[in-house]
Amino acid sequence: LLPYAQERDPKFRSPGFAGRRNTIVLLQEELSFQSELSVRSGSNMGFLVTTLIFVVVGIIAALCARICCNKGPSTNLLHLTLVITATVCCWMMWAIVYIAQMNPLIVPILSETE
């Protein structure tokens, strides 16, 4: 990012606090441009594929609970509820982490020597 940003904007090389502020602004613009580009280019395919994998694993786990632990209607309902809840919670945790990486809130801050 840095060499490319230096070529794009001559203010990037200015010394002092203003130079660092310009650097941070340029990095934020570059990150937002890259995230917009990745959204437009269809990079959410990984999200959809992994979501489908979670759905398939949830269905297989529900069938295994139904077949292996068939002890009555209320017990089957409890097992099915636990499997669905566990699958949805695991998917939500993964989805939150995945989405949080798409547009990070923290950008690199350069030290005074850089």
PDB file of N, CA and C in Angstrom:
ATOM      1  N   LEU A   1       0.799  -1.190   0.000  1.00  0.00           N
ATOM      2  CA  LEU A   1       0.000   0.000   0.000  1.00  0.00           C
ATOM      3  C   LEU A   1       0.853   1.269   0.000  1.00  0.00           C
ATOM      4  N   LEU A   2       1.903   1.274   0.789  1.00  0.00           N
ATOM      5  CA  LEU A   2       2.638   2.518   0.969  1.00  0.00           C
ATOM      6  C   LEU A   2       3.308   3.024  -0.310  1.00  0.00           C
ATOM      7  N   PRO A   3       4.047   2.197  -1.076  1.00  0.00           N
ATOM      8  CA  PRO A   3       4.645   2.744  -2.296  1.00  0.00           C
ATOM      9  C   PRO A   3       3.593   3.227  -3.288  1.00  0.00           C
ATOM     10  N   TYR A   4       2.490   2.506  -3.375  1.00  0.00           N
ATOM     11  CA  TYR A   4       1.425   2.894  -4.286  1.00  0.00           C
ATOM     12  C   TYR A   4       0.824   4.231  -3.855  1.00  0.00           C
ATOM     13  N   ALA A   5       0.641   4.405  -2.538  1.00  0.00           N
ATOM     14  CA  ALA A   5       0.076   5.661  -2.035  1.00  0.00           C
ATOM     15  C   ALA A   5       1.037   6.822  -2.271  1.00  0.00           C
ATOM     16  N   GLN A   6       2.336   6.577  -2.186  1.00  0.00           N
ATOM     17  CA  GLN A   6       3.314   7.633  -2.429  1.00  0.00           C
ATOM     18  C   GLN A   6       3.254   8.095  -3.870  1.00  0.00           C
ATOM     19  N   GLU A   7       3.043   7.176  -4.782  1.00  0.00           N
ATOM     20  CA  GLU A   7       2.951   7.556  -6.195  1.00  0.00           C
ATOM     21  C   GLU A   7       1.677   8.348  -6.461  1.00  0.00           C
ATOM     22  N   ARG A   8       0.601   8.037  -5.762  1.00  0.00           N
ATOM     23  CA  ARG A   8      -0.687   8.669  -6.021  1.00  0.00           C
ATOM     24  C   ARG A   8      -0.792  10.081  -5.477  1.00  0.00           C
ATOM     25  N   ASP A   9      -0.198  10.346  -4.314  1.00  0.00           N
ATOM     26  CA  ASP A   9      -0.426  11.628  -3.661  1.00  0.00           C
ATOM     27  C   ASP A   9       0.899  12.205  -3.165  1.00  0.00           C
ATOM     28  N   PRO A  10       1.315  13.359  -3.675  1.00  0.00           N
ATOM     29  CA  PRO A  10       2.574  13.954  -3.217  1.00  0.00           C
ATOM     30  C   PRO A  10       2.506  14.430  -1.769  1.00  0.00           C
ATOM     31  N   LYS A  11       1.318  14.698  -1.224  1.00  0.00           N
ATOM     32  CA  LYS A  11       1.197  15.119   0.165  1.00  0.00           C
ATOM     33  C   LYS A  11       1.601  13.998   1.116  1.00  0.00           C
ATOM     34  N   PHE A  12       1.639  12.786   0.604  1.00  0.00           N
ATOM     35  CA  PHE A  12       1.967  11.631   1.427  1.00  0.00           C
ATOM     36  C   PHE A  12       3.338  11.792   2.075  1.00  0.00           C
ATOM     37  N   ARG A  13       4.258  12.453   1.404  1.00  0.00           N
ATOM     38  CA  ARG A  13       5.627  12.562   1.889  1.00  0.00           C
ATOM     39  C   ARG A  13       5.844  13.745   2.826  1.00  0.00           C
ATOM     40  N   SER A  14       4.823  14.537   3.095  1.00  0.00           N
ATOM     41  CA  SER A  14       5.019  15.728   3.925  1.00  0.00           C
ATOM     42  C   SER A  14       5.365  15.326   5.357  1.00  0.00           C
ATOM     43  N   PRO A  15       6.324  16.028   5.992  1.00  0.00           N
ATOM     44  CA  PRO A  15       6.774  15.652   7.331  1.00  0.00           C
ATOM     45  C   PRO A  15       5.811  16.135   8.409  1.00  0.00           C
ATOM     46  N   GLY A  16       6.011  15.625   9.621  1.00  0.00           N
ATOM     47  CA  GLY A  16       5.257  16.088  10.771  1.00  0.00           C
ATOM     48  C   GLY A  16       3.899  15.439  10.909  1.00  0.00           C
ATOM     49  N   PHE A  17       3.094  16.010  11.796  1.00  0.00           N
ATOM     50  CA  PHE A  17       1.783  15.446  12.102  1.00  0.00           C
ATOM     51  C   PHE A  17       0.863  15.441  10.887  1.00  0.00           C
ATOM     52  N   ALA A  18       0.913  16.495  10.095  1.00  0.00           N
ATOM     53  CA  ALA A  18       0.051  16.572   8.908  1.00  0.00           C
ATOM     54  C   ALA A  18       0.372  15.440   7.950  1.00  0.00           C
ATOM     55  N   GLY A  19       1.653  15.104   7.837  1.00  0.00           N
ATOM     56  CA  GLY A  19       2.048  14.003   6.960  1.00  0.00           C
ATOM     57  C   GLY A  19       1.499  12.675   7.442  1.00  0.00           C
ATOM     58  N   ARG A  20       1.542  12.482   8.753  1.00  0.00           N
ATOM     59  CA  ARG A  20       0.990  11.240   9.300  1.00  0.00           C
ATOM     60  C   ARG A  20      -0.519  11.205   9.130  1.00  0.00           C
ATOM     61  N   ARG A  21      -1.168  12.351   9.322  1.00  0.00           N
ATOM     62  CA  ARG A  21      -2.618  12.397   9.141  1.00  0.00           C
ATOM     63  C   ARG A  21      -2.967  12.064   7.690  1.00  0.00           C
ATOM     64  N   ASN A  22      -2.215  12.629   6.743  1.00  0.00           N
ATOM     65  CA  ASN A  22      -2.453  12.313   5.330  1.00  0.00           C
ATOM     66  C   ASN A  22      -2.235  10.834   5.074  1.00  0.00           C
ATOM     67  N   THR A  23      -1.212  10.276   5.710  1.00  0.00           N
ATOM     68  CA  THR A  23      -0.935   8.849   5.539  1.00  0.00           C
ATOM     69  C   THR A  23      -2.101   8.019   6.024  1.00  0.00           C
ATOM     70  N   ILE A  24      -2.614   8.352   7.193  1.00  0.00           N
ATOM     71  CA  ILE A  24      -3.730   7.592   7.753  1.00  0.00           C
ATOM     72  C   ILE A  24      -4.971   7.738   6.877  1.00  0.00           C
ATOM     73  N   VAL A  25      -5.237   8.951   6.408  1.00  0.00           N
ATOM     74  CA  VAL A  25      -6.396   9.166   5.533  1.00  0.00           C
ATOM     75  C   VAL A  25      -6.248   8.376   4.248  1.00  0.00           C
ATOM     76  N   LEU A  26      -5.041   8.384   3.676  1.00  0.00           N
ATOM     77  CA  LEU A  26      -4.822   7.631   2.440  1.00  0.00           C
ATOM     78  C   LEU A  26      -4.986   6.136   2.670  1.00  0.00           C
ATOM     79  N   LEU A  27      -4.492   5.638   3.805  1.00  0.00           N
ATOM     80  CA  LEU A  27      -4.642   4.216   4.100  1.00  0.00           C
ATOM     81  C   LEU A  27      -6.119   3.865   4.276  1.00  0.00           C
ATOM     82  N   GLN A  28      -6.875   4.740   4.953  1.00  0.00           N
ATOM     83  CA  GLN A  28      -8.301   4.479   5.112  1.00  0.00           C
ATOM     84  C   GLN A  28      -9.018   4.486   3.767  1.00  0.00           C
ATOM     85  N   GLU A  29      -8.662   5.429   2.897  1.00  0.00           N
ATOM     86  CA  GLU A  29      -9.277   5.473   1.567  1.00  0.00           C
ATOM     87  C   GLU A  29      -8.926   4.225   0.777  1.00  0.00           C
ATOM     88  N   GLU A  30      -7.668   3.786   0.881  1.00  0.00           N
ATOM     89  CA  GLU A  30      -7.237   2.599   0.151  1.00  0.00           C
ATOM     90  C   GLU A  30      -7.961   1.362   0.657  1.00  0.00           C
ATOM     91  N   LEU A  31      -8.099   1.251   1.983  1.00  0.00           N
ATOM     92  CA  LEU A  31      -8.813   0.107   2.547  1.00  0.00           C
ATOM     93  C   LEU A  31     -10.284   0.117   2.144  1.00  0.00           C
ATOM     94  N   SER A  32     -10.923   1.288   2.165  1.00  0.00           N
ATOM     95  CA  SER A  32     -12.333   1.333   1.777  1.00  0.00           C
ATOM     96  C   SER A  32     -12.496   1.027   0.289  1.00  0.00           C
ATOM     97  N   PHE A  33     -11.541   1.499  -0.541  1.00  0.00           N
ATOM     98  CA  PHE A  33     -11.596   1.195  -1.962  1.00  0.00           C
ATOM     99  C   PHE A  33     -11.442  -0.306  -2.191  1.00  0.00           C
ATOM    100  N   GLN A  34     -10.497  -0.935  -1.466  1.00  0.00           N
ATOM    101  CA  GLN A  34     -10.302  -2.375  -1.629  1.00  0.00           C
ATOM    102  C   GLN A  34     -11.512  -3.157  -1.156  1.00  0.00           C
ATOM    103  N   SER A  35     -12.151  -2.723  -0.056  1.00  0.00           N
ATOM    104  CA  SER A  35     -13.326  -3.444   0.413  1.00  0.00           C
ATOM    105  C   SER A  35     -14.490  -3.282  -0.569  1.00  0.00           C
ATOM    106  N   GLU A  36     -14.650  -2.076  -1.134  1.00  0.00           N
ATOM    107  CA  GLU A  36     -15.699  -1.885  -2.145  1.00  0.00           C
ATOM    108  C   GLU A  36     -15.418  -2.730  -3.373  1.00  0.00           C
ATOM    109  N   LEU A  37     -14.157  -2.803  -3.758  1.00  0.00           N
ATOM    110  CA  LEU A  37     -13.785  -3.595  -4.915  1.00  0.00           C
ATOM    111  C   LEU A  37     -14.045  -5.066  -4.668  1.00  0.00           C
ATOM    112  N   SER A  38     -13.721  -5.544  -3.465  1.00  0.00           N
ATOM    113  CA  SER A  38     -13.936  -6.958  -3.185  1.00  0.00           C
ATOM    114  C   SER A  38     -15.423  -7.289  -3.112  1.00  0.00           C
ATOM    115  N   VAL A  39     -16.241  -6.364  -2.611  1.00  0.00           N
ATOM    116  CA  VAL A  39     -17.682  -6.613  -2.565  1.00  0.00           C
ATOM    117  C   VAL A  39     -18.250  -6.639  -3.974  1.00  0.00           C
ATOM    118  N   ARG A  40     -17.795  -5.706  -4.814  1.00  0.00           N
ATOM    119  CA  ARG A  40     -18.302  -5.664  -6.188  1.00  0.00           C
ATOM    120  C   ARG A  40     -17.815  -6.851  -7.012  1.00  0.00           C
ATOM    121  N   SER A  41     -16.642  -7.384  -6.688  1.00  0.00           N
ATOM    122  CA  SER A  41     -16.097  -8.464  -7.504  1.00  0.00           C
ATOM    123  C   SER A  41     -16.648  -9.825  -7.108  1.00  0.00           C
ATOM    124  N   GLY A  42     -17.526  -9.886  -6.110  1.00  0.00           N
ATOM    125  CA  GLY A  42     -18.152 -11.146  -5.762  1.00  0.00           C
ATOM    126  C   GLY A  42     -17.334 -11.980  -4.802  1.00  0.00           C
ATOM    127  N   SER A  43     -16.608 -11.352  -3.906  1.00  0.00           N
ATOM    128  CA  SER A  43     -15.800 -12.119  -2.964  1.00  0.00           C
ATOM    129  C   SER A  43     -16.648 -12.699  -1.844  1.00  0.00           C
ATOM    130  N   ASN A  44     -17.940 -12.439  -1.829  1.00  0.00           N
ATOM    131  CA  ASN A  44     -18.793 -13.027  -0.815  1.00  0.00           C
ATOM    132  C   ASN A  44     -19.126 -14.483  -1.134  1.00  0.00           C
ATOM    133  N   MET A  45     -18.518 -15.023  -2.177  1.00  0.00           N
ATOM    134  CA  MET A  45     -18.724 -16.427  -2.522  1.00  0.00           C
ATOM    135  C   MET A  45     -18.248 -17.329  -1.393  1.00  0.00           C
ATOM    136  N   GLY A  46     -17.145 -16.953  -0.733  1.00  0.00           N
ATOM    137  CA  GLY A  46     -16.655 -17.733   0.399  1.00  0.00           C
ATOM    138  C   GLY A  46     -17.659 -17.757   1.538  1.00  0.00           C
ATOM    139  N   PHE A  47     -18.334 -16.634   1.753  1.00  0.00           N
ATOM    140  CA  PHE A  47     -19.357 -16.567   2.796  1.00  0.00           C
ATOM    141  C   PHE A  47     -20.505 -17.513   2.475  1.00  0.00           C
ATOM    142  N   LEU A  48     -20.957 -17.503   1.235  1.00  0.00           N
ATOM    143  CA  LEU A  48     -22.083 -18.368   0.853  1.00  0.00           C
ATOM    144  C   LEU A  48     -21.708 -19.844   0.899  1.00  0.00           C
ATOM    145  N   VAL A  49     -20.518 -20.169   0.421  1.00  0.00           N
ATOM    146  CA  VAL A  49     -20.088 -21.581   0.412  1.00  0.00           C
ATOM    147  C   VAL A  49     -19.960 -22.096   1.843  1.00  0.00           C
ATOM    148  N   THR A  50     -19.349 -21.309   2.721  1.00  0.00           N
ATOM    149  CA  THR A  50     -19.187 -21.756   4.096  1.00  0.00           C
ATOM    150  C   THR A  50     -20.526 -21.820   4.815  1.00  0.00           C
ATOM    151  N   THR A  51     -21.438 -20.928   4.501  1.00  0.00           N
ATOM    152  CA  THR A  51     -22.776 -21.000   5.077  1.00  0.00           C
ATOM    153  C   THR A  51     -23.469 -22.293   4.646  1.00  0.00           C
ATOM    154  N   LEU A  52     -23.327 -22.652   3.385  1.00  0.00           N
ATOM    155  CA  LEU A  52     -23.905 -23.919   2.909  1.00  0.00           C
ATOM    156  C   LEU A  52     -23.259 -25.119   3.604  1.00  0.00           C
ATOM    157  N   ILE A  53     -21.964 -25.031   3.863  1.00  0.00           N
ATOM    158  CA  ILE A  53     -21.282 -26.117   4.586  1.00  0.00           C
ATOM    159  C   ILE A  53     -21.867 -26.242   5.995  1.00  0.00           C
ATOM    160  N   PHE A  54     -22.100 -25.114   6.671  1.00  0.00           N
ATOM    161  CA  PHE A  54     -22.715 -25.163   7.997  1.00  0.00           C
ATOM    162  C   PHE A  54     -24.116 -25.761   7.933  1.00  0.00           C
ATOM    163  N   VAL A  55     -24.888 -25.435   6.909  1.00  0.00           N
ATOM    164  CA  VAL A  55     -26.232 -25.999   6.764  1.00  0.00           C
ATOM    165  C   VAL A  55     -26.158 -27.509   6.589  1.00  0.00           C
ATOM    166  N   VAL A  56     -25.254 -27.962   5.738  1.00  0.00           N
ATOM    167  CA  VAL A  56     -25.109 -29.408   5.494  1.00  0.00           C
ATOM    168  C   VAL A  56     -24.665 -30.129   6.761  1.00  0.00           C
ATOM    169  N   VAL A  57     -23.684 -29.560   7.464  1.00  0.00           N
ATOM    170  CA  VAL A  57     -23.222 -30.182   8.710  1.00  0.00           C
ATOM    171  C   VAL A  57     -24.349 -30.211   9.740  1.00  0.00           C
ATOM    172  N   GLY A  58     -25.153 -29.151   9.817  1.00  0.00           N
ATOM    173  CA  GLY A  58     -26.286 -29.126  10.740  1.00  0.00           C
ATOM    174  C   GLY A  58     -27.321 -30.190  10.418  1.00  0.00           C
ATOM    175  N   ILE A  59     -27.601 -30.370   9.130  1.00  0.00           N
ATOM    176  CA  ILE A  59     -28.563 -31.407   8.730  1.00  0.00           C
ATOM    177  C   ILE A  59     -28.030 -32.795   9.046  1.00  0.00           C
ATOM    178  N   ILE A  60     -26.754 -33.025   8.754  1.00  0.00           N
ATOM    179  CA  ILE A  60     -26.153 -34.337   9.048  1.00  0.00           C
ATOM    180  C   ILE A  60     -26.150 -34.594  10.558  1.00  0.00           C
ATOM    181  N   ALA A  61     -25.807 -33.577  11.352  1.00  0.00           N
ATOM    182  CA  ALA A  61     -25.807 -33.740  12.811  1.00  0.00           C
ATOM    183  C   ALA A  61     -27.213 -34.001  13.338  1.00  0.00           C
ATOM    184  N   ALA A  62     -28.214 -33.331  12.770  1.00  0.00           N
ATOM    185  CA  ALA A  62     -29.597 -33.555  13.202  1.00  0.00           C
ATOM    186  C   ALA A  62     -30.045 -34.984  12.856  1.00  0.00           C
ATOM    187  N   LEU A  63     -29.679 -35.463  11.675  1.00  0.00           N
ATOM    188  CA  LEU A  63     -30.024 -36.840  11.299  1.00  0.00           C
ATOM    189  C   LEU A  63     -29.307 -37.849  12.187  1.00  0.00           C
ATOM    190  N   CYS A  64     -28.037 -37.596  12.495  1.00  0.00           N
ATOM    191  CA  CYS A  64     -27.296 -38.507  13.373  1.00  0.00           C
ATOM    192  C   CYS A  64     -27.910 -38.534  14.769  1.00  0.00           C
ATOM    193  N   ALA A  65     -28.325 -37.382  15.274  1.00  0.00           N
ATOM    194  CA  ALA A  65     -28.973 -37.344  16.587  1.00  0.00           C
ATOM    195  C   ALA A  65     -30.298 -38.086  16.551  1.00  0.00           C
ATOM    196  N   ARG A  66     -31.006 -37.960  15.454  1.00  0.00           N
ATOM    197  CA  ARG A  66     -32.302 -38.641  15.319  1.00  0.00           C
ATOM    198  C   ARG A  66     -32.126 -40.161  15.236  1.00  0.00           C
ATOM    199  N   ILE A  67     -31.106 -40.607  14.502  1.00  0.00           N
ATOM    200  CA  ILE A  67     -30.898 -42.043  14.304  1.00  0.00           C
ATOM    201  C   ILE A  67     -30.239 -42.684  15.520  1.00  0.00           C
ATOM    202  N   CYS A  68     -29.210 -42.068  16.043  1.00  0.00           N
ATOM    203  CA  CYS A  68     -28.413 -42.680  17.118  1.00  0.00           C
ATOM    204  C   CYS A  68     -29.075 -42.556  18.493  1.00  0.00           C
ATOM    205  N   CYS A  69     -29.824 -41.522  18.731  1.00  0.00           N
ATOM    206  CA  CYS A  69     -30.398 -41.261  20.062  1.00  0.00           C
ATOM    207  C   CYS A  69     -31.914 -41.247  20.007  1.00  0.00           C
ATOM    208  N   ASN A  70     -32.510 -42.253  19.419  1.00  0.00           N
ATOM    209  CA  ASN A  70     -33.961 -42.331  19.267  1.00  0.00           C
ATOM    210  C   ASN A  70     -34.558 -42.937  20.536  1.00  0.00           C
ATOM    211  N   LYS A  71     -34.924 -42.086  21.504  1.00  0.00           N
ATOM    212  CA  LYS A  71     -35.416 -42.582  22.789  1.00  0.00           C
ATOM    213  C   LYS A  71     -36.818 -42.082  23.134  1.00  0.00           C
ATOM    214  N   GLY A  72     -37.479 -41.453  22.223  1.00  0.00           N
ATOM    215  CA  GLY A  72     -38.821 -40.954  22.505  1.00  0.00           C
ATOM    216  C   GLY A  72     -39.009 -39.581  21.906  1.00  0.00           C
ATOM    217  N   PRO A  73     -40.263 -39.150  21.779  1.00  0.00           N
ATOM    218  CA  PRO A  73     -40.529 -37.888  21.095  1.00  0.00           C
ATOM    219  C   PRO A  73     -39.960 -36.663  21.819  1.00  0.00           C
ATOM    220  N   SER A  74     -40.065 -36.592  23.150  1.00  0.00           N
ATOM    221  CA  SER A  74     -39.568 -35.397  23.829  1.00  0.00           C
ATOM    222  C   SER A  74     -38.040 -35.368  23.849  1.00  0.00           C
ATOM    223  N   THR A  75     -37.404 -36.523  23.962  1.00  0.00           N
ATOM    224  CA  THR A  75     -35.940 -36.582  23.933  1.00  0.00           C
ATOM    225  C   THR A  75     -35.422 -36.248  22.544  1.00  0.00           C
ATOM    226  N   ASN A  76     -36.119 -36.735  21.512  1.00  0.00           N
ATOM    227  CA  ASN A  76     -35.713 -36.404  20.141  1.00  0.00           C
ATOM    228  C   ASN A  76     -35.827 -34.906  19.886  1.00  0.00           C
ATOM    229  N   LEU A  77     -36.880 -34.286  20.398  1.00  0.00           N
ATOM    230  CA  LEU A  77     -37.058 -32.847  20.239  1.00  0.00           C
ATOM    231  C   LEU A  77     -35.938 -32.079  20.954  1.00  0.00           C
ATOM    232  N   LEU A  78     -35.576 -32.546  22.150  1.00  0.00           N
ATOM    233  CA  LEU A  78     -34.488 -31.908  22.894  1.00  0.00           C
ATOM    234  C   LEU A  78     -33.172 -32.017  22.124  1.00  0.00           C
ATOM    235  N   HIS A  79     -32.872 -33.211  21.612  1.00  0.00           N
ATOM    236  CA  HIS A  79     -31.629 -33.404  20.852  1.00  0.00           C
ATOM    237  C   HIS A  79     -31.611 -32.550  19.588  1.00  0.00           C
ATOM    238  N   LEU A  80     -32.737 -32.509  18.891  1.00  0.00           N
ATOM    239  CA  LEU A  80     -32.818 -31.695  17.679  1.00  0.00           C
ATOM    240  C   LEU A  80     -32.641 -30.208  18.005  1.00  0.00           C
ATOM    241  N   THR A  81     -33.243 -29.755  19.095  1.00  0.00           N
ATOM    242  CA  THR A  81     -33.101 -28.358  19.508  1.00  0.00           C
ATOM    243  C   THR A  81     -31.651 -28.038  19.851  1.00  0.00           C
ATOM    244  N   LEU A  82     -30.996 -28.927  20.564  1.00  0.00           N
ATOM    245  CA  LEU A  82     -29.589 -28.706  20.919  1.00  0.00           C
ATOM    246  C   LEU A  82     -28.681 -28.675  19.698  1.00  0.00           C
ATOM    247  N   VAL A  83     -28.921 -29.584  18.751  1.00  0.00           N
ATOM    248  CA  VAL A  83     -28.087 -29.624  17.543  1.00  0.00           C
ATOM    249  C   VAL A  83     -28.291 -28.363  16.708  1.00  0.00           C
ATOM    250  N   ILE A  84     -29.535 -27.943  16.518  1.00  0.00           N
ATOM    251  CA  ILE A  84     -29.803 -26.739  15.724  1.00  0.00           C
ATOM    252  C   ILE A  84     -29.224 -25.508  16.414  1.00  0.00           C
ATOM    253  N   THR A  85     -29.392 -25.411  17.733  1.00  0.00           N
ATOM    254  CA  THR A  85     -28.846 -24.265  18.465  1.00  0.00           C
ATOM    255  C   THR A  85     -27.322 -24.221  18.361  1.00  0.00           C
ATOM    256  N   ALA A  86     -26.674 -25.363  18.522  1.00  0.00           N
ATOM    257  CA  ALA A  86     -25.211 -25.408  18.424  1.00  0.00           C
ATOM    258  C   ALA A  86     -24.741 -25.031  17.021  1.00  0.00           C
ATOM    259  N   THR A  87     -25.429 -25.512  16.005  1.00  0.00           N
ATOM    260  CA  THR A  87     -25.041 -25.197  14.633  1.00  0.00           C
ATOM    261  C   THR A  87     -25.216 -23.715  14.336  1.00  0.00           C
ATOM    262  N   VAL A  88     -26.331 -23.142  14.744  1.00  0.00           N
ATOM    263  CA  VAL A  88     -26.586 -21.719  14.493  1.00  0.00           C
ATOM    264  C   VAL A  88     -25.593 -20.855  15.268  1.00  0.00           C
ATOM    265  N   CYS A  89     -25.287 -21.225  16.514  1.00  0.00           N
ATOM    266  CA  CYS A  89     -24.322 -20.444  17.299  1.00  0.00           C
ATOM    267  C   CYS A  89     -22.922 -20.504  16.683  1.00  0.00           C
ATOM    268  N   CYS A  90     -22.504 -21.671  16.248  1.00  0.00           N
ATOM    269  CA  CYS A  90     -21.183 -21.787  15.596  1.00  0.00           C
ATOM    270  C   CYS A  90     -21.150 -20.973  14.306  1.00  0.00           C
ATOM    271  N   TRP A  91     -22.226 -21.040  13.514  1.00  0.00           N
ATOM    272  CA  TRP A  91     -22.272 -20.265  12.277  1.00  0.00           C
ATOM    273  C   TRP A  91     -22.240 -18.769  12.559  1.00  0.00           C
ATOM    274  N   MET A  92     -22.996 -18.325  13.567  1.00  0.00           N
ATOM    275  CA  MET A  92     -23.018 -16.894  13.886  1.00  0.00           C
ATOM    276  C   MET A  92     -21.647 -16.410  14.340  1.00  0.00           C
ATOM    277  N   MET A  93     -20.946 -17.208  15.137  1.00  0.00           N
ATOM    278  CA  MET A  93     -19.610 -16.817  15.572  1.00  0.00           C
ATOM    279  C   MET A  93     -18.684 -16.694  14.371  1.00  0.00           C
ATOM    280  N   TRP A  94     -18.731 -17.676  13.482  1.00  0.00           N
ATOM    281  CA  TRP A  94     -17.889 -17.623  12.287  1.00  0.00           C
ATOM    282  C   TRP A  94     -18.274 -16.420  11.414  1.00  0.00           C
ATOM    283  N   ALA A  95     -19.570 -16.183  11.228  1.00  0.00           N
ATOM    284  CA  ALA A  95     -20.023 -15.087  10.360  1.00  0.00           C
ATOM    285  C   ALA A  95     -19.610 -13.732  10.913  1.00  0.00           C
ATOM    286  N   ILE A  96     -19.700 -13.554  12.224  1.00  0.00           N
ATOM    287  CA  ILE A  96     -19.303 -12.276  12.823  1.00  0.00           C
ATOM    288  C   ILE A  96     -17.826 -12.025  12.615  1.00  0.00           C
ATOM    289  N   VAL A  97     -17.005 -13.047  12.816  1.00  0.00           N
ATOM    290  CA  VAL A  97     -15.563 -12.886  12.609  1.00  0.00           C
ATOM    291  C   VAL A  97     -15.259 -12.624  11.136  1.00  0.00           C
ATOM    292  N   TYR A  98     -15.926 -13.329  10.241  1.00  0.00           N
ATOM    293  CA  TYR A  98     -15.692 -13.154   8.811  1.00  0.00           C
ATOM    294  C   TYR A  98     -16.077 -11.744   8.355  1.00  0.00           C
ATOM    295  N   ILE A  99     -17.249 -11.277   8.782  1.00  0.00           N
ATOM    296  CA  ILE A  99     -17.718  -9.956   8.373  1.00  0.00           C
ATOM    297  C   ILE A  99     -16.862  -8.852   8.996  1.00  0.00           C
ATOM    298  N   ALA A 100     -16.390  -9.070  10.216  1.00  0.00           N
ATOM    299  CA  ALA A 100     -15.546  -8.064  10.871  1.00  0.00           C
ATOM    300  C   ALA A 100     -14.239  -7.865  10.117  1.00  0.00           C
ATOM    301  N   GLN A 101     -13.769  -8.877   9.415  1.00  0.00           N
ATOM    302  CA  GLN A 101     -12.521  -8.758   8.664  1.00  0.00           C
ATOM    303  C   GLN A 101     -12.724  -8.096   7.309  1.00  0.00           C
ATOM    304  N   MET A 102     -13.955  -7.949   6.862  1.00  0.00           N
ATOM    305  CA  MET A 102     -14.203  -7.327   5.564  1.00  0.00           C
ATOM    306  C   MET A 102     -13.906  -5.833   5.582  1.00  0.00           C
ATOM    307  N   ASN A 103     -14.250  -5.155   6.661  1.00  0.00           N
ATOM    308  CA  ASN A 103     -14.026  -3.720   6.766  1.00  0.00           C
ATOM    309  C   ASN A 103     -13.492  -3.422   8.170  1.00  0.00           C
ATOM    310  N   PRO A 104     -12.183  -3.562   8.377  1.00  0.00           N
ATOM    311  CA  PRO A 104     -11.638  -3.401   9.730  1.00  0.00           C
ATOM    312  C   PRO A 104     -11.778  -1.971  10.241  1.00  0.00           C
ATOM    313  N   LEU A 105     -12.023  -1.839  11.539  1.00  0.00           N
ATOM    314  CA  LEU A 105     -12.186  -0.524  12.147  1.00  0.00           C
ATOM    315  C   LEU A 105     -10.841   0.100  12.502  1.00  0.00           C
ATOM    316  N   ILE A 106      -9.840  -0.732  12.741  1.00  0.00           N
ATOM    317  CA  ILE A 106      -8.527  -0.239  13.150  1.00  0.00           C
ATOM    318  C   ILE A 106      -7.625  -0.216  11.928  1.00  0.00           C
ATOM    319  N   VAL A 107      -7.033   0.931  11.642  1.00  0.00           N
ATOM    320  CA  VAL A 107      -6.094   1.051  10.534  1.00  0.00           C
ATOM    321  C   VAL A 107      -4.694   1.195  11.104  1.00  0.00           C
ATOM    322  N   PRO A 108      -3.673   0.872  10.342  1.00  0.00           N
ATOM    323  CA  PRO A 108      -2.306   1.003  10.841  1.00  0.00           C
ATOM    324  C   PRO A 108      -1.970   2.461  11.151  1.00  0.00           C
ATOM    325  N   ILE A 109      -1.337   2.688  12.281  1.00  0.00           N
ATOM    326  CA  ILE A 109      -0.897   4.021  12.670  1.00  0.00           C
ATOM    327  C   ILE A 109       0.621   4.021  12.639  1.00  0.00           C
ATOM    328  N   LEU A 110       1.184   4.919  11.861  1.00  0.00           N
ATOM    329  CA  LEU A 110       2.624   4.973  11.712  1.00  0.00           C
ATOM    330  C   LEU A 110       3.257   5.668  12.918  1.00  0.00           C
ATOM    331  N   SER A 111       4.439   5.183  13.306  1.00  0.00           N
ATOM    332  CA  SER A 111       5.164   5.848  14.394  1.00  0.00           C
ATOM    333  C   SER A 111       5.873   7.074  13.832  1.00  0.00           C
ATOM    334  N   GLU A 112       6.490   7.863  14.731  1.00  0.00           N
ATOM    335  CA  GLU A 112       7.124   9.104  14.306  1.00  0.00           C
ATOM    336  C   GLU A 112       8.350   8.863  13.436  1.00  0.00           C
ATOM    337  N   THR A 113       8.995   7.703  13.553  1.00  0.00           N
ATOM    338  CA  THR A 113      10.194   7.429  12.750  1.00  0.00           C
ATOM    339  C   THR A 113       9.868   7.050  11.338  1.00  0.00           C
ATOM    340  N   GLU A 114       8.650   6.688  11.048  1.00  0.00           N
ATOM    341  CA  GLU A 114       8.303   6.266   9.691  1.00  0.00           C
ATOM    342  C   GLU A 114       7.781   7.412   8.867  1.00  0.00           C
TER     343      GLU A 114
END
